Amino acid sequence: MFIREKDYDKFLVKVKIEIGKELGLESDKEAFIELKEIPTIETLKLKEMTSKSEMELIEYFKTILPGIITDHNLYASETVKMTNEDVTTLLFEKTKLATKVIGDYLEKAFFISVPKTKGKLKA
């Protein structure tokens, strides 16, 4: 039996993306974000965006990112965890970091390979 309250998170695909080196840490494993699968309509729109311009893909992903972050280990201070909105802002401060997150998410969650050129997505 499926019980939404208890089982909902188990059936969604989740992708853990390690980003430590992009944040200046020694190892990628030192910092991560975990993103969940998006609903069907958003999935179709995201797939459509991969065939459009890089700017459109990045802008769309930036709008959905706060809602799909399920976990992370990024902190505003020693004891205060960053909000999903703050994490999104941080990720998009550096192009290479944003494109890594987008590329890894598309590849791992949807098996979509987005060609990359020198750290950038190639639309």
PDB file of N, CA and C in Angstrom:
ATOM      1  N   MET A   1       0.836  -1.168   0.000  1.00  0.00           N
ATOM      2  CA  MET A   1       0.000   0.000   0.000  1.00  0.00           C
ATOM      3  C   MET A   1       0.893   1.247   0.000  1.00  0.00           C
ATOM      4  N   PHE A   2       0.530   2.218  -0.814  1.00  0.00           N
ATOM      5  CA  PHE A   2       1.232   3.503  -0.898  1.00  0.00           C
ATOM      6  C   PHE A   2       0.524   4.491   0.007  1.00  0.00           C
ATOM      7  N   ILE A   3       1.259   5.091   0.910  1.00  0.00           N
ATOM      8  CA  ILE A   3       0.703   6.104   1.801  1.00  0.00           C
ATOM      9  C   ILE A   3       1.456   7.397   1.521  1.00  0.00           C
ATOM     10  N   ARG A   4       0.744   8.368   0.999  1.00  0.00           N
ATOM     11  CA  ARG A   4       1.396   9.605   0.555  1.00  0.00           C
ATOM     12  C   ARG A   4       2.243  10.242   1.649  1.00  0.00           C
ATOM     13  N   GLU A   5       1.714  10.367   2.856  1.00  0.00           N
ATOM     14  CA  GLU A   5       2.469  10.997   3.939  1.00  0.00           C
ATOM     15  C   GLU A   5       3.799  10.300   4.206  1.00  0.00           C
ATOM     16  N   LYS A   6       3.800   8.982   4.069  1.00  0.00           N
ATOM     17  CA  LYS A   6       4.960   8.187   4.435  1.00  0.00           C
ATOM     18  C   LYS A   6       5.863   7.845   3.245  1.00  0.00           C
ATOM     19  N   ASP A   7       5.288   7.589   2.093  1.00  0.00           N
ATOM     20  CA  ASP A   7       6.029   7.031   0.963  1.00  0.00           C
ATOM     21  C   ASP A   7       6.323   7.997  -0.178  1.00  0.00           C
ATOM     22  N   TYR A   8       5.789   9.212  -0.125  1.00  0.00           N
ATOM     23  CA  TYR A   8       5.897  10.137  -1.259  1.00  0.00           C
ATOM     24  C   TYR A   8       7.348  10.387  -1.687  1.00  0.00           C
ATOM     25  N   ASP A   9       8.209  10.656  -0.727  1.00  0.00           N
ATOM     26  CA  ASP A   9       9.603  10.958  -1.068  1.00  0.00           C
ATOM     27  C   ASP A   9      10.368   9.750  -1.591  1.00  0.00           C
ATOM     28  N   LYS A  10       9.903   8.554  -1.303  1.00  0.00           N
ATOM     29  CA  LYS A  10      10.608   7.351  -1.733  1.00  0.00           C
ATOM     30  C   LYS A  10      10.490   7.095  -3.231  1.00  0.00           C
ATOM     31  N   PHE A  11       9.390   7.511  -3.843  1.00  0.00           N
ATOM     32  CA  PHE A  11       9.213   7.189  -5.248  1.00  0.00           C
ATOM     33  C   PHE A  11       9.770   8.246  -6.194  1.00  0.00           C
ATOM     34  N   LEU A  12      10.127   9.414  -5.672  1.00  0.00           N
ATOM     35  CA  LEU A  12      10.725  10.454  -6.500  1.00  0.00           C
ATOM     36  C   LEU A  12      12.225  10.207  -6.653  1.00  0.00           C
ATOM     37  N   VAL A  13      12.727  10.449  -7.845  1.00  0.00           N
ATOM     38  CA  VAL A  13      14.167  10.365  -8.082  1.00  0.00           C
ATOM     39  C   VAL A  13      14.820  11.554  -7.389  1.00  0.00           C
ATOM     40  N   LYS A  14      15.922  11.295  -6.695  1.00  0.00           N
ATOM     41  CA  LYS A  14      16.694  12.363  -6.067  1.00  0.00           C
ATOM     42  C   LYS A  14      18.125  12.278  -6.562  1.00  0.00           C
ATOM     43  N   VAL A  15      18.706  13.423  -6.803  1.00  0.00           N
ATOM     44  CA  VAL A  15      20.060  13.500  -7.337  1.00  0.00           C
ATOM     45  C   VAL A  15      20.926  14.299  -6.374  1.00  0.00           C
ATOM     46  N   LYS A  16      22.006  13.673  -5.922  1.00  0.00           N
ATOM     47  CA  LYS A  16      22.960  14.362  -5.051  1.00  0.00           C
ATOM     48  C   LYS A  16      24.110  14.853  -5.922  1.00  0.00           C
ATOM     49  N   ILE A  17      24.373  16.148  -5.848  1.00  0.00           N
ATOM     50  CA  ILE A  17      25.430  16.758  -6.649  1.00  0.00           C
ATOM     51  C   ILE A  17      26.468  17.348  -5.696  1.00  0.00           C
ATOM     52  N   GLU A  18      27.682  16.846  -5.815  1.00  0.00           N
ATOM     53  CA  GLU A  18      28.775  17.320  -4.964  1.00  0.00           C
ATOM     54  C   GLU A  18      29.446  18.517  -5.625  1.00  0.00           C
ATOM     55  N   ILE A  19      29.615  19.595  -4.847  1.00  0.00           N
ATOM     56  CA  ILE A  19      30.079  20.861  -5.421  1.00  0.00           C
ATOM     57  C   ILE A  19      31.204  21.521  -4.619  1.00  0.00           C
ATOM     58  N   GLY A  20      31.834  20.785  -3.744  1.00  0.00           N
ATOM     59  CA  GLY A  20      32.841  21.361  -2.860  1.00  0.00           C
ATOM     60  C   GLY A  20      33.958  22.109  -3.559  1.00  0.00           C
ATOM     61  N   LYS A  21      34.552  21.493  -4.586  1.00  0.00           N
ATOM     62  CA  LYS A  21      35.676  22.147  -5.280  1.00  0.00           C
ATOM     63  C   LYS A  21      35.254  23.456  -5.927  1.00  0.00           C
ATOM     64  N   GLU A  22      34.031  23.498  -6.468  1.00  0.00           N
ATOM     65  CA  GLU A  22      33.536  24.732  -7.095  1.00  0.00           C
ATOM     66  C   GLU A  22      33.340  25.858  -6.080  1.00  0.00           C
ATOM     67  N   LEU A  23      33.220  25.474  -4.802  1.00  0.00           N
ATOM     68  CA  LEU A  23      33.063  26.467  -3.744  1.00  0.00           C
ATOM     69  C   LEU A  23      34.390  26.793  -3.063  1.00  0.00           C
ATOM     70  N   GLY A  24      35.489  26.260  -3.619  1.00  0.00           N
ATOM     71  CA  GLY A  24      36.813  26.558  -3.081  1.00  0.00           C
ATOM     72  C   GLY A  24      37.272  25.609  -1.989  1.00  0.00           C
ATOM     73  N   LEU A  25      36.542  24.533  -1.768  1.00  0.00           N
ATOM     74  CA  LEU A  25      36.940  23.547  -0.764  1.00  0.00           C
ATOM     75  C   LEU A  25      37.895  22.538  -1.389  1.00  0.00           C
ATOM     76  N   GLU A  26      38.520  21.717  -0.574  1.00  0.00           N
ATOM     77  CA  GLU A  26      39.515  20.768  -1.082  1.00  0.00           C
ATOM     78  C   GLU A  26      38.909  19.612  -1.856  1.00  0.00           C
ATOM     79  N   SER A  27      37.709  19.205  -1.474  1.00  0.00           N
ATOM     80  CA  SER A  27      37.092  18.032  -2.084  1.00  0.00           C
ATOM     81  C   SER A  27      35.641  18.325  -2.452  1.00  0.00           C
ATOM     82  N   ASP A  28      35.180  17.748  -3.553  1.00  0.00           N
ATOM     83  CA  ASP A  28      33.779  17.901  -3.937  1.00  0.00           C
ATOM     84  C   ASP A  28      32.845  17.376  -2.862  1.00  0.00           C
ATOM     85  N   LYS A  29      33.267  16.339  -2.144  1.00  0.00           N
ATOM     86  CA  LYS A  29      32.422  15.698  -1.136  1.00  0.00           C
ATOM     87  C   LYS A  29      32.131  16.601   0.063  1.00  0.00           C
ATOM     88  N   GLU A  30      32.849  17.702   0.196  1.00  0.00           N
ATOM     89  CA  GLU A  30      32.669  18.585   1.349  1.00  0.00           C
ATOM     90  C   GLU A  30      31.398  19.428   1.271  1.00  0.00           C
ATOM     91  N   ALA A  31      30.827  19.572   0.093  1.00  0.00           N
ATOM     92  CA  ALA A  31      29.591  20.350  -0.061  1.00  0.00           C
ATOM     93  C   ALA A  31      28.718  19.670  -1.115  1.00  0.00           C
ATOM     94  N   PHE A  32      27.424  19.624  -0.837  1.00  0.00           N
ATOM     95  CA  PHE A  32      26.510  18.990  -1.786  1.00  0.00           C
ATOM     96  C   PHE A  32      25.152  19.668  -1.759  1.00  0.00           C
ATOM     97  N   ILE A  33      24.395  19.428  -2.815  1.00  0.00           N
ATOM     98  CA  ILE A  33      22.975  19.739  -2.834  1.00  0.00           C
ATOM     99  C   ILE A  33      22.266  18.498  -3.354  1.00  0.00           C
ATOM    100  N   GLU A  34      21.068  18.273  -2.877  1.00  0.00           N
ATOM    101  CA  GLU A  34      20.259  17.157  -3.349  1.00  0.00           C
ATOM    102  C   GLU A  34      18.994  17.735  -3.960  1.00  0.00           C
ATOM    103  N   LEU A  35      18.705  17.317  -5.181  1.00  0.00           N
ATOM    104  CA  LEU A  35      17.547  17.827  -5.909  1.00  0.00           C
ATOM    105  C   LEU A  35      16.583  16.689  -6.203  1.00  0.00           C
ATOM    106  N   LYS A  36      15.291  16.975  -6.108  1.00  0.00           N
ATOM    107  CA  LYS A  36      14.298  15.951  -6.392  1.00  0.00           C
ATOM    108  C   LYS A  36      13.781  16.088  -7.824  1.00  0.00           C
ATOM    109  N   GLU A  37      13.176  15.018  -8.266  1.00  0.00           N
ATOM    110  CA  GLU A  37      12.527  14.972  -9.577  1.00  0.00           C
ATOM    111  C   GLU A  37      11.412  16.015  -9.617  1.00  0.00           C
ATOM    112  N   ILE A  38      11.258  16.659 -10.753  1.00  0.00           N
ATOM    113  CA  ILE A  38      10.200  17.658 -10.897  1.00  0.00           C
ATOM    114  C   ILE A  38       8.955  17.013 -11.515  1.00  0.00           C
ATOM    115  N   PRO A  39       7.780  17.638 -11.321  1.00  0.00           N
ATOM    116  CA  PRO A  39       6.551  17.088 -11.894  1.00  0.00           C
ATOM    117  C   PRO A  39       6.594  17.023 -13.430  1.00  0.00           C
ATOM    118  N   THR A  40       5.682  16.273 -13.994  1.00  0.00           N
ATOM    119  CA  THR A  40       5.655  15.967 -15.425  1.00  0.00           C
ATOM    120  C   THR A  40       5.702  17.202 -16.325  1.00  0.00           C
ATOM    121  N   ILE A  41       4.847  18.167 -16.088  1.00  0.00           N
ATOM    122  CA  ILE A  41       4.794  19.359 -16.951  1.00  0.00           C
ATOM    123  C   ILE A  41       6.128  20.103 -16.914  1.00  0.00           C
ATOM    124  N   GLU A  42       6.682  20.273 -15.718  1.00  0.00           N
ATOM    125  CA  GLU A  42       7.973  20.951 -15.585  1.00  0.00           C
ATOM    126  C   GLU A  42       9.088  20.144 -16.236  1.00  0.00           C
ATOM    127  N   THR A  43       8.987  18.812 -16.166  1.00  0.00           N
ATOM    128  CA  THR A  43       9.978  17.950 -16.819  1.00  0.00           C
ATOM    129  C   THR A  43       9.961  18.167 -18.324  1.00  0.00           C
ATOM    130  N   LEU A  44       8.780  18.190 -18.899  1.00  0.00           N
ATOM    131  CA  LEU A  44       8.660  18.411 -20.343  1.00  0.00           C
ATOM    132  C   LEU A  44       9.191  19.786 -20.730  1.00  0.00           C
ATOM    133  N   LYS A  45       8.882  20.791 -19.923  1.00  0.00           N
ATOM    134  CA  LYS A  45       9.381  22.141 -20.216  1.00  0.00           C
ATOM    135  C   LYS A  45      10.904  22.185 -20.095  1.00  0.00           C
ATOM    136  N   LEU A  46      11.463  21.510 -19.078  1.00  0.00           N
ATOM    137  CA  LEU A  46      12.917  21.482 -18.911  1.00  0.00           C
ATOM    138  C   LEU A  46      13.583  20.782 -20.090  1.00  0.00           C
ATOM    139  N   LYS A  47      13.015  19.677 -20.525  1.00  0.00           N
ATOM    140  CA  LYS A  47      13.561  18.979 -21.699  1.00  0.00           C
ATOM    141  C   LYS A  47      13.496  19.863 -22.937  1.00  0.00           C
ATOM    142  N   GLU A  48      12.406  20.602 -23.084  1.00  0.00           N
ATOM    143  CA  GLU A  48      12.265  21.530 -24.209  1.00  0.00           C
ATOM    144  C   GLU A  48      13.327  22.630 -24.145  1.00  0.00           C
ATOM    145  N   MET A  49      13.618  23.094 -22.939  1.00  0.00           N
ATOM    146  CA  MET A  49      14.610  24.159 -22.758  1.00  0.00           C
ATOM    147  C   MET A  49      16.010  23.722 -23.181  1.00  0.00           C
ATOM    148  N   THR A  50      16.293  22.414 -23.101  1.00  0.00           N
ATOM    149  CA  THR A  50      17.633  21.947 -23.483  1.00  0.00           C
ATOM    150  C   THR A  50      17.899  22.145 -24.963  1.00  0.00           C
ATOM    151  N   SER A  51      16.843  22.290 -25.762  1.00  0.00           N
ATOM    152  CA  SER A  51      17.041  22.505 -27.197  1.00  0.00           C
ATOM    153  C   SER A  51      16.988  23.995 -27.554  1.00  0.00           C
ATOM    154  N   LYS A  52      16.747  24.837 -26.568  1.00  0.00           N
ATOM    155  CA  LYS A  52      16.700  26.281 -26.810  1.00  0.00           C
ATOM    156  C   LYS A  52      18.042  26.890 -26.425  1.00  0.00           C
ATOM    157  N   SER A  53      18.067  28.185 -26.249  1.00  0.00           N
ATOM    158  CA  SER A  53      19.325  28.849 -25.921  1.00  0.00           C
ATOM    159  C   SER A  53      19.753  28.532 -24.494  1.00  0.00           C
ATOM    160  N   GLU A  54      21.040  28.626 -24.281  1.00  0.00           N
ATOM    161  CA  GLU A  54      21.605  28.390 -22.954  1.00  0.00           C
ATOM    162  C   GLU A  54      20.984  29.329 -21.928  1.00  0.00           C
ATOM    163  N   MET A  55      20.758  30.564 -22.328  1.00  0.00           N
ATOM    164  CA  MET A  55      20.191  31.552 -21.417  1.00  0.00           C
ATOM    165  C   MET A  55      18.780  31.149 -20.970  1.00  0.00           C
ATOM    166  N   GLU A  56      17.958  30.671 -21.896  1.00  0.00           N
ATOM    167  CA  GLU A  56      16.597  30.259 -21.543  1.00  0.00           C
ATOM    168  C   GLU A  56      16.611  29.071 -20.590  1.00  0.00           C
ATOM    169  N   LEU A  57      17.499  28.123 -20.837  1.00  0.00           N
ATOM    170  CA  LEU A  57      17.616  26.954 -19.972  1.00  0.00           C
ATOM    171  C   LEU A  57      18.038  27.368 -18.566  1.00  0.00           C
ATOM    172  N   ILE A  58      19.046  28.208 -18.473  1.00  0.00           N
ATOM    173  CA  ILE A  58      19.547  28.653 -17.173  1.00  0.00           C
ATOM    174  C   ILE A  58      18.489  29.463 -16.426  1.00  0.00           C
ATOM    175  N   GLU A  59      17.802  30.363 -17.123  1.00  0.00           N
ATOM    176  CA  GLU A  59      16.761  31.167 -16.476  1.00  0.00           C
ATOM    177  C   GLU A  59      15.628  30.285 -15.950  1.00  0.00           C
ATOM    178  N   TYR A  60      15.210  29.300 -16.741  1.00  0.00           N
ATOM    179  CA  TYR A  60      14.133  28.412 -16.303  1.00  0.00           C
ATOM    180  C   TYR A  60      14.580  27.578 -15.102  1.00  0.00           C
ATOM    181  N   PHE A  61      15.776  27.028 -15.169  1.00  0.00           N
ATOM    182  CA  PHE A  61      16.267  26.202 -14.074  1.00  0.00           C
ATOM    183  C   PHE A  61      16.369  27.018 -12.783  1.00  0.00           C
ATOM    184  N   LYS A  62      16.778  28.268 -12.902  1.00  0.00           N
ATOM    185  CA  LYS A  62      16.894  29.133 -11.730  1.00  0.00           C
ATOM    186  C   LYS A  62      15.535  29.343 -11.065  1.00  0.00           C
ATOM    187  N   THR A  63      14.465  29.382 -11.855  1.00  0.00           N
ATOM    188  CA  THR A  63      13.135  29.582 -11.275  1.00  0.00           C
ATOM    189  C   THR A  63      12.624  28.336 -10.560  1.00  0.00           C
ATOM    190  N   ILE A  64      12.998  27.145 -11.029  1.00  0.00           N
ATOM    191  CA  ILE A  64      12.488  25.922 -10.393  1.00  0.00           C
ATOM    192  C   ILE A  64      13.394  25.390  -9.277  1.00  0.00           C
ATOM    193  N   LEU A  65      14.650  25.812  -9.260  1.00  0.00           N
ATOM    194  CA  LEU A  65      15.625  25.250  -8.323  1.00  0.00           C
ATOM    195  C   LEU A  65      15.223  25.344  -6.845  1.00  0.00           C
ATOM    196  N   PRO A  66      14.773  26.484  -6.329  1.00  0.00           N
ATOM    197  CA  PRO A  66      14.438  26.525  -4.897  1.00  0.00           C
ATOM    198  C   PRO A  66      13.405  25.476  -4.488  1.00  0.00           C
ATOM    199  N   GLY A  67      12.487  25.143  -5.369  1.00  0.00           N
ATOM    200  CA  GLY A  67      11.440  24.188  -5.062  1.00  0.00           C
ATOM    201  C   GLY A  67      11.842  22.734  -5.166  1.00  0.00           C
ATOM    202  N   ILE A  68      13.008  22.453  -5.744  1.00  0.00           N
ATOM    203  CA  ILE A  68      13.417  21.054  -5.898  1.00  0.00           C
ATOM    204  C   ILE A  68      14.615  20.681  -5.025  1.00  0.00           C
ATOM    205  N   ILE A  69      15.136  21.629  -4.277  1.00  0.00           N
ATOM    206  CA  ILE A  69      16.219  21.315  -3.340  1.00  0.00           C
ATOM    207  C   ILE A  69      15.606  20.591  -2.144  1.00  0.00           C
ATOM    208  N   THR A  70      16.051  19.352  -1.905  1.00  0.00           N
ATOM    209  CA  THR A  70      15.539  18.582  -0.767  1.00  0.00           C
ATOM    210  C   THR A  70      16.524  18.557   0.394  1.00  0.00           C
ATOM    211  N   ASP A  71      17.794  18.766   0.098  1.00  0.00           N
ATOM    212  CA  ASP A  71      18.797  18.758   1.156  1.00  0.00           C
ATOM    213  C   ASP A  71      20.062  19.436   0.641  1.00  0.00           C
ATOM    214  N   HIS A  72      20.861  19.932   1.560  1.00  0.00           N
ATOM    215  CA  HIS A  72      22.172  20.513   1.232  1.00  0.00           C
ATOM    216  C   HIS A  72      22.934  20.687   2.531  1.00  0.00           C
ATOM    217  N   ASN A  73      24.224  20.935   2.414  1.00  0.00           N
ATOM    218  CA  ASN A  73      25.019  21.205   3.616  1.00  0.00           C
ATOM    219  C   ASN A  73      25.739  22.548   3.491  1.00  0.00           C
ATOM    220  N   LEU A  74      24.997  23.543   3.076  1.00  0.00           N
ATOM    221  CA  LEU A  74      25.525  24.894   2.910  1.00  0.00           C
ATOM    222  C   LEU A  74      24.950  25.778   4.018  1.00  0.00           C
ATOM    223  N   TYR A  75      25.820  26.499   4.700  1.00  0.00           N
ATOM    224  CA  TYR A  75      25.419  27.269   5.869  1.00  0.00           C
ATOM    225  C   TYR A  75      25.734  28.751   5.702  1.00  0.00           C
ATOM    226  N   ALA A  76      24.832  29.593   6.203  1.00  0.00           N
ATOM    227  CA  ALA A  76      25.041  31.040   6.209  1.00  0.00           C
ATOM    228  C   ALA A  76      25.999  31.429   7.334  1.00  0.00           C
ATOM    229  N   SER A  77      25.964  30.665   8.430  1.00  0.00           N
ATOM    230  CA  SER A  77      26.880  30.868   9.562  1.00  0.00           C
ATOM    231  C   SER A  77      27.181  29.491  10.138  1.00  0.00           C
ATOM    232  N   GLU A  78      27.890  29.440  11.230  1.00  0.00           N
ATOM    233  CA  GLU A  78      28.269  28.160  11.834  1.00  0.00           C
ATOM    234  C   GLU A  78      27.067  27.282  12.183  1.00  0.00           C
ATOM    235  N   THR A  79      25.936  27.899  12.484  1.00  0.00           N
ATOM    236  CA  THR A  79      24.776  27.130  12.943  1.00  0.00           C
ATOM    237  C   THR A  79      23.513  27.308  12.109  1.00  0.00           C
ATOM    238  N   VAL A  80      23.511  28.245  11.178  1.00  0.00           N
ATOM    239  CA  VAL A  80      22.298  28.544  10.409  1.00  0.00           C
ATOM    240  C   VAL A  80      22.449  28.050   8.971  1.00  0.00           C
ATOM    241  N   LYS A  81      21.592  27.109   8.620  1.00  0.00           N
ATOM    242  CA  LYS A  81      21.596  26.560   7.271  1.00  0.00           C
ATOM    243  C   LYS A  81      21.004  27.581   6.298  1.00  0.00           C
ATOM    244  N   MET A  82      21.570  27.665   5.109  1.00  0.00           N
ATOM    245  CA  MET A  82      21.064  28.581   4.088  1.00  0.00           C
ATOM    246  C   MET A  82      19.673  28.136   3.635  1.00  0.00           C
ATOM    247  N   THR A  83      18.835  29.100   3.270  1.00  0.00           N
ATOM    248  CA  THR A  83      17.527  28.783   2.703  1.00  0.00           C
ATOM    249  C   THR A  83      17.732  28.289   1.268  1.00  0.00           C
ATOM    250  N   ASN A  84      16.743  27.640   0.708  1.00  0.00           N
ATOM    251  CA  ASN A  84      16.838  27.183  -0.678  1.00  0.00           C
ATOM    252  C   ASN A  84      17.023  28.358  -1.634  1.00  0.00           C
ATOM    253  N   GLU A  85      16.405  29.479  -1.330  1.00  0.00           N
ATOM    254  CA  GLU A  85      16.555  30.669  -2.171  1.00  0.00           C
ATOM    255  C   GLU A  85      17.993  31.191  -2.115  1.00  0.00           C
ATOM    256  N   ASP A  86      18.585  31.177  -0.914  1.00  0.00           N
ATOM    257  CA  ASP A  86      19.977  31.612  -0.767  1.00  0.00           C
ATOM    258  C   ASP A  86      20.939  30.659  -1.475  1.00  0.00           C
ATOM    259  N   VAL A  87      20.653  29.363  -1.406  1.00  0.00           N
ATOM    260  CA  VAL A  87      21.479  28.372  -2.115  1.00  0.00           C
ATOM    261  C   VAL A  87      21.416  28.642  -3.612  1.00  0.00           C
ATOM    262  N   THR A  88      20.223  28.899  -4.129  1.00  0.00           N
ATOM    263  CA  THR A  88      20.053  29.193  -5.549  1.00  0.00           C
ATOM    264  C   THR A  88      20.859  30.418  -5.947  1.00  0.00           C
ATOM    265  N   THR A  89      20.779  31.467  -5.169  1.00  0.00           N
ATOM    266  CA  THR A  89      21.548  32.686  -5.444  1.00  0.00           C
ATOM    267  C   THR A  89      23.034  32.381  -5.470  1.00  0.00           C
ATOM    268  N   LEU A  90      23.515  31.627  -4.494  1.00  0.00           N
ATOM    269  CA  LEU A  90      24.932  31.262  -4.427  1.00  0.00           C
ATOM    270  C   LEU A  90      25.359  30.475  -5.666  1.00  0.00           C
ATOM    271  N   LEU A  91      24.567  29.483  -6.048  1.00  0.00           N
ATOM    272  CA  LEU A  91      24.922  28.640  -7.193  1.00  0.00           C
ATOM    273  C   LEU A  91      25.011  29.439  -8.486  1.00  0.00           C
ATOM    274  N   PHE A  92      24.170  30.456  -8.613  1.00  0.00           N
ATOM    275  CA  PHE A  92      24.151  31.231  -9.842  1.00  0.00           C
ATOM    276  C   PHE A  92      25.097  32.428  -9.824  1.00  0.00           C
ATOM    277  N   GLU A  93      25.885  32.565  -8.765  1.00  0.00           N
ATOM    278  CA  GLU A  93      26.916  33.602  -8.734  1.00  0.00           C
ATOM    279  C   GLU A  93      28.123  33.207  -9.579  1.00  0.00           C
ATOM    280  N   LYS A  94      28.274  31.922  -9.851  1.00  0.00           N
ATOM    281  CA  LYS A  94      29.415  31.429 -10.611  1.00  0.00           C
ATOM    282  C   LYS A  94      28.902  30.566 -11.760  1.00  0.00           C
ATOM    283  N   THR A  95      29.186  30.973 -12.977  1.00  0.00           N
ATOM    284  CA  THR A  95      28.672  30.278 -14.158  1.00  0.00           C
ATOM    285  C   THR A  95      29.052  28.806 -14.170  1.00  0.00           C
ATOM    286  N   LYS A  96      30.291  28.499 -13.872  1.00  0.00           N
ATOM    287  CA  LYS A  96      30.745  27.111 -13.915  1.00  0.00           C
ATOM    288  C   LYS A  96      29.988  26.253 -12.906  1.00  0.00           C
ATOM    289  N   LEU A  97      29.691  26.797 -11.756  1.00  0.00           N
ATOM    290  CA  LEU A  97      28.949  26.072 -10.728  1.00  0.00           C
ATOM    291  C   LEU A  97      27.505  25.837 -11.171  1.00  0.00           C
ATOM    292  N   ALA A  98      26.862  26.861 -11.685  1.00  0.00           N
ATOM    293  CA  ALA A  98      25.474  26.732 -12.152  1.00  0.00           C
ATOM    294  C   ALA A  98      25.370  25.705 -13.282  1.00  0.00           C
ATOM    295  N   THR A  99      26.285  25.763 -14.235  1.00  0.00           N
ATOM    296  CA  THR A  99      26.220  24.822 -15.356  1.00  0.00           C
ATOM    297  C   THR A  99      26.539  23.395 -14.919  1.00  0.00           C
ATOM    298  N   LYS A 100      27.392  23.238 -13.906  1.00  0.00           N
ATOM    299  CA  LYS A 100      27.664  21.896 -13.378  1.00  0.00           C
ATOM    300  C   LYS A 100      26.398  21.315 -12.758  1.00  0.00           C
ATOM    301  N   VAL A 101      25.731  22.110 -11.938  1.00  0.00           N
ATOM    302  CA  VAL A 101      24.516  21.640 -11.275  1.00  0.00           C
ATOM    303  C   VAL A 101      23.441  21.293 -12.301  1.00  0.00           C
ATOM    304  N   ILE A 102      23.223  22.165 -13.268  1.00  0.00           N
ATOM    305  CA  ILE A 102      22.210  21.916 -14.296  1.00  0.00           C
ATOM    306  C   ILE A 102      22.565  20.670 -15.099  1.00  0.00           C
ATOM    307  N   GLY A 103      23.802  20.593 -15.571  1.00  0.00           N
ATOM    308  CA  GLY A 103      24.229  19.452 -16.383  1.00  0.00           C
ATOM    309  C   GLY A 103      24.147  18.133 -15.639  1.00  0.00           C
ATOM    310  N   ASP A 104      24.631  18.111 -14.392  1.00  0.00           N
ATOM    311  CA  ASP A 104      24.580  16.883 -13.595  1.00  0.00           C
ATOM    312  C   ASP A 104      23.145  16.474 -13.313  1.00  0.00           C
ATOM    313  N   TYR A 105      22.293  17.437 -13.010  1.00  0.00           N
ATOM    314  CA  TYR A 105      20.892  17.137 -12.716  1.00  0.00           C
ATOM    315  C   TYR A 105      20.194  16.544 -13.942  1.00  0.00           C
ATOM    316  N   LEU A 106      20.360  17.178 -15.084  1.00  0.00           N
ATOM    317  CA  LEU A 106      19.719  16.671 -16.299  1.00  0.00           C
ATOM    318  C   LEU A 106      20.198  15.270 -16.644  1.00  0.00           C
ATOM    319  N   GLU A 107      21.483  15.054 -16.507  1.00  0.00           N
ATOM    320  CA  GLU A 107      22.054  13.757 -16.851  1.00  0.00           C
ATOM    321  C   GLU A 107      21.614  12.661 -15.884  1.00  0.00           C
ATOM    322  N   LYS A 108      21.653  12.953 -14.585  1.00  0.00           N
ATOM    323  CA  LYS A 108      21.343  11.926 -13.587  1.00  0.00           C
ATOM    324  C   LYS A 108      19.848  11.706 -13.392  1.00  0.00           C
ATOM    325  N   ALA A 109      19.055  12.760 -13.465  1.00  0.00           N
ATOM    326  CA  ALA A 109      17.620  12.628 -13.202  1.00  0.00           C
ATOM    327  C   ALA A 109      16.826  12.238 -14.443  1.00  0.00           C
ATOM    328  N   PHE A 110      17.275  12.683 -15.598  1.00  0.00           N
ATOM    329  CA  PHE A 110      16.479  12.479 -16.806  1.00  0.00           C
ATOM    330  C   PHE A 110      17.258  11.821 -17.936  1.00  0.00           C
ATOM    331  N   PHE A 111      18.499  11.470 -17.676  1.00  0.00           N
ATOM    332  CA  PHE A 111      19.351  10.832 -18.678  1.00  0.00           C
ATOM    333  C   PHE A 111      19.461  11.679 -19.943  1.00  0.00           C
ATOM    334  N   ILE A 112      19.465  13.009 -19.748  1.00  0.00           N
ATOM    335  CA  ILE A 112      19.630  13.934 -20.865  1.00  0.00           C
ATOM    336  C   ILE A 112      21.077  14.397 -20.843  1.00  0.00           C
ATOM    337  N   SER A 113      21.754  14.210 -21.938  1.00  0.00           N
ATOM    338  CA  SER A 113      23.124  14.664 -22.019  1.00  0.00           C
ATOM    339  C   SER A 113      23.146  16.025 -22.692  1.00  0.00           C
ATOM    340  N   VAL A 114      23.614  17.020 -21.979  1.00  0.00           N
ATOM    341  CA  VAL A 114      23.729  18.361 -22.535  1.00  0.00           C
ATOM    342  C   VAL A 114      25.191  18.587 -22.870  1.00  0.00           C
ATOM    343  N   PRO A 115      25.512  18.783 -24.147  1.00  0.00           N
ATOM    344  CA  PRO A 115      26.929  18.983 -24.522  1.00  0.00           C
ATOM    345  C   PRO A 115      27.520  20.164 -23.763  1.00  0.00           C
ATOM    346  N   LYS A 116      28.747  19.992 -23.282  1.00  0.00           N
ATOM    347  CA  LYS A 116      29.428  21.043 -22.553  1.00  0.00           C
ATOM    348  C   LYS A 116      30.667  21.473 -23.324  1.00  0.00           C
ATOM    349  N   THR A 117      30.946  22.753 -23.290  1.00  0.00           N
ATOM    350  CA  THR A 117      32.170  23.265 -23.888  1.00  0.00           C
ATOM    351  C   THR A 117      32.833  24.195 -22.894  1.00  0.00           C
ATOM    352  N   LYS A 118      34.009  23.816 -22.421  1.00  0.00           N
ATOM    353  CA  LYS A 118      34.783  24.625 -21.480  1.00  0.00           C
ATOM    354  C   LYS A 118      33.952  25.097 -20.288  1.00  0.00           C
ATOM    355  N   GLY A 119      33.242  24.141 -19.659  1.00  0.00           N
ATOM    356  CA  GLY A 119      32.487  24.476 -18.453  1.00  0.00           C
ATOM    357  C   GLY A 119      31.145  25.113 -18.707  1.00  0.00           C
ATOM    358  N   LYS A 120      30.777  25.306 -19.963  1.00  0.00           N
ATOM    359  CA  LYS A 120      29.490  25.912 -20.282  1.00  0.00           C
ATOM    360  C   LYS A 120      28.599  24.881 -20.944  1.00  0.00           C
ATOM    361  N   LEU A 121      27.309  25.078 -20.791  1.00  0.00           N
ATOM    362  CA  LEU A 121      26.364  24.234 -21.502  1.00  0.00           C
ATOM    363  C   LEU A 121      26.317  24.688 -22.951  1.00  0.00           C
ATOM    364  N   LYS A 122      26.190  23.770 -23.838  1.00  0.00           N
ATOM    365  CA  LYS A 122      26.062  24.123 -25.244  1.00  0.00           C
ATOM    366  C   LYS A 122      24.664  23.767 -25.698  1.00  0.00           C
ATOM    367  N   ALA A 123      23.880  24.770 -25.982  1.00  0.00           N
ATOM    368  CA  ALA A 123      22.488  24.543 -26.370  1.00  0.00           C
ATOM    369  C   ALA A 123      22.371  24.296 -27.859  1.00  0.00           C
TER     370      ALA A 123
END
